[in-house]
Protein backbone atom coordinates (compact mmCIF):
# COMPACT_ATOMS: atom_id res chain seq x y z
CA MET A 1 81.71 281.39 -163.33
CA GLU A 2 83.26 283.59 -165.96
CA GLY A 3 85.35 281.62 -168.44
CA ALA A 4 83.75 278.28 -167.58
CA THR A 5 82.66 275.89 -170.29
CA LYS A 6 79.06 274.89 -170.92
CA VAL A 7 79.76 271.44 -169.50
CA GLU A 8 81.17 272.90 -166.26
CA ILE A 9 78.20 275.25 -165.87
CA GLY A 10 75.80 272.39 -166.64
CA ASP A 11 77.39 270.20 -163.99
CA GLU A 12 77.09 273.02 -161.45
CA VAL A 13 73.39 273.74 -162.12
CA ASN A 14 72.35 270.21 -163.14
CA LEU A 15 71.61 270.98 -166.82
CA SER A 16 72.99 269.54 -170.04
CA SER A 17 75.45 271.57 -172.08
CA LYS A 18 72.79 271.94 -174.78
CA GLN A 19 70.36 273.46 -172.25
CA VAL A 20 73.07 275.81 -170.94
CA GLY A 21 73.80 276.93 -174.51
CA ARG A 22 70.09 277.60 -175.12
CA VAL A 23 69.82 279.67 -171.93
CA ILE A 24 72.90 281.70 -172.84
CA ARG A 25 71.61 282.32 -176.38
CA ILE A 26 68.17 283.42 -175.14
CA PHE A 27 69.74 285.76 -172.59
CA GLN A 28 72.02 287.32 -175.24
CA GLU A 29 69.08 287.83 -177.63
CA ASN A 30 66.50 289.16 -175.17
CA GLY A 31 68.43 290.33 -172.14
CA ARG A 32 66.18 288.23 -169.90
CA LEU A 33 65.41 284.62 -169.16
CA ARG A 34 61.71 284.79 -168.29
CA ARG A 35 58.83 285.13 -170.69
CA LYS A 36 57.46 288.55 -171.41
CA ILE A 37 54.63 289.56 -169.14
CA CYS A 38 51.29 289.55 -170.96
CA SER A 39 52.54 287.59 -173.91
CA GLY A 40 49.63 285.72 -175.41
CA ARG A 41 45.92 286.26 -175.31
CA PRO A 42 44.61 287.97 -172.18
CA LYS A 43 42.05 286.18 -170.02
CA ALA A 44 38.43 287.16 -170.52
CA LEU A 45 37.74 286.99 -166.76
CA SER A 46 40.32 288.43 -164.38
CA LYS A 47 40.78 287.12 -160.85
CA SER A 48 38.89 290.09 -159.43
CA LEU A 49 35.95 289.52 -161.82
CA LYS A 50 35.84 285.84 -160.89
CA ARG A 51 35.77 286.81 -157.22
CA LYS A 52 32.94 289.30 -157.84
CA ILE A 53 30.94 286.66 -159.72
CA THR A 54 31.20 284.14 -156.89
CA GLN A 55 30.40 286.78 -154.25
CA THR A 56 27.32 287.90 -156.17
CA LEU A 57 26.13 284.31 -156.62
CA ARG A 58 26.55 283.58 -152.92
CA LYS A 59 24.22 286.50 -152.15
CA ASN A 60 21.70 285.50 -154.81
CA PRO A 61 22.24 282.09 -156.42
CA TYR A 62 19.30 282.61 -158.80
CA HIS A 63 21.13 285.10 -161.05
CA THR A 64 21.38 284.11 -164.68
CA CYS A 65 24.65 284.51 -166.52
CA SER A 66 23.14 287.30 -168.59
CA THR A 67 22.01 289.26 -165.51
CA LEU A 68 25.41 288.70 -163.90
CA ARG A 69 27.04 290.06 -167.03
CA ALA A 70 24.83 293.13 -167.04
CA GLU A 71 25.00 293.79 -163.30
CA LEU A 72 28.78 293.49 -163.05
CA LYS A 73 29.36 295.15 -166.45
CA ILE A 74 31.40 292.20 -167.72
CA LEU A 75 32.53 292.42 -171.34
CA ALA A 76 32.90 288.64 -171.72
CA ALA A 77 30.06 286.58 -173.16
CA ALA A 78 27.50 284.85 -170.95
CA ARG A 79 28.83 281.54 -172.26
CA THR A 80 32.28 282.40 -170.82
CA ILE A 81 30.69 283.02 -167.43
CA ARG A 82 28.82 279.71 -167.71
CA SER A 83 32.07 277.89 -168.48
CA TYR A 84 33.78 279.48 -165.48
CA LEU A 85 30.89 278.53 -163.18
CA HIS A 86 30.95 274.97 -164.51
CA ASN A 87 34.71 274.75 -163.89
CA ILE A 88 34.34 275.77 -160.24
CA GLY A 89 31.51 273.30 -159.67
CA TRP A 90 28.36 275.41 -159.93
CA ALA A 91 25.46 273.69 -161.68
CA TYR A 92 23.09 275.69 -163.82
CA LYS A 93 20.01 275.13 -165.89
CA LYS A 94 19.15 276.97 -169.04
CA THR A 95 15.72 278.55 -168.74
CA PRO A 96 13.16 276.93 -171.02
CA LYS A 97 12.02 278.99 -173.98
CA THR A 98 8.35 279.87 -173.93
């Protein structure tokens, strides 16, 4: 669609002329339309670590978050593991201090 106006392009792809202009400007500045890979803060627990955590807990559901962290050599805090387990529906109890 070389030589077409923003309105014509917008009608073709169902976008407003303002959106078409923004897309063109971003492409001219960056050379791409998608976000950079790995932009932003990386996740503390990768998909493979999450899978290992759930596999380990299925074998022995009495692991504490601290022992999971040590056994799997996870760099994230035990609290991060607790949050992940809570999000996937695992219930846990903190051990009482003696």
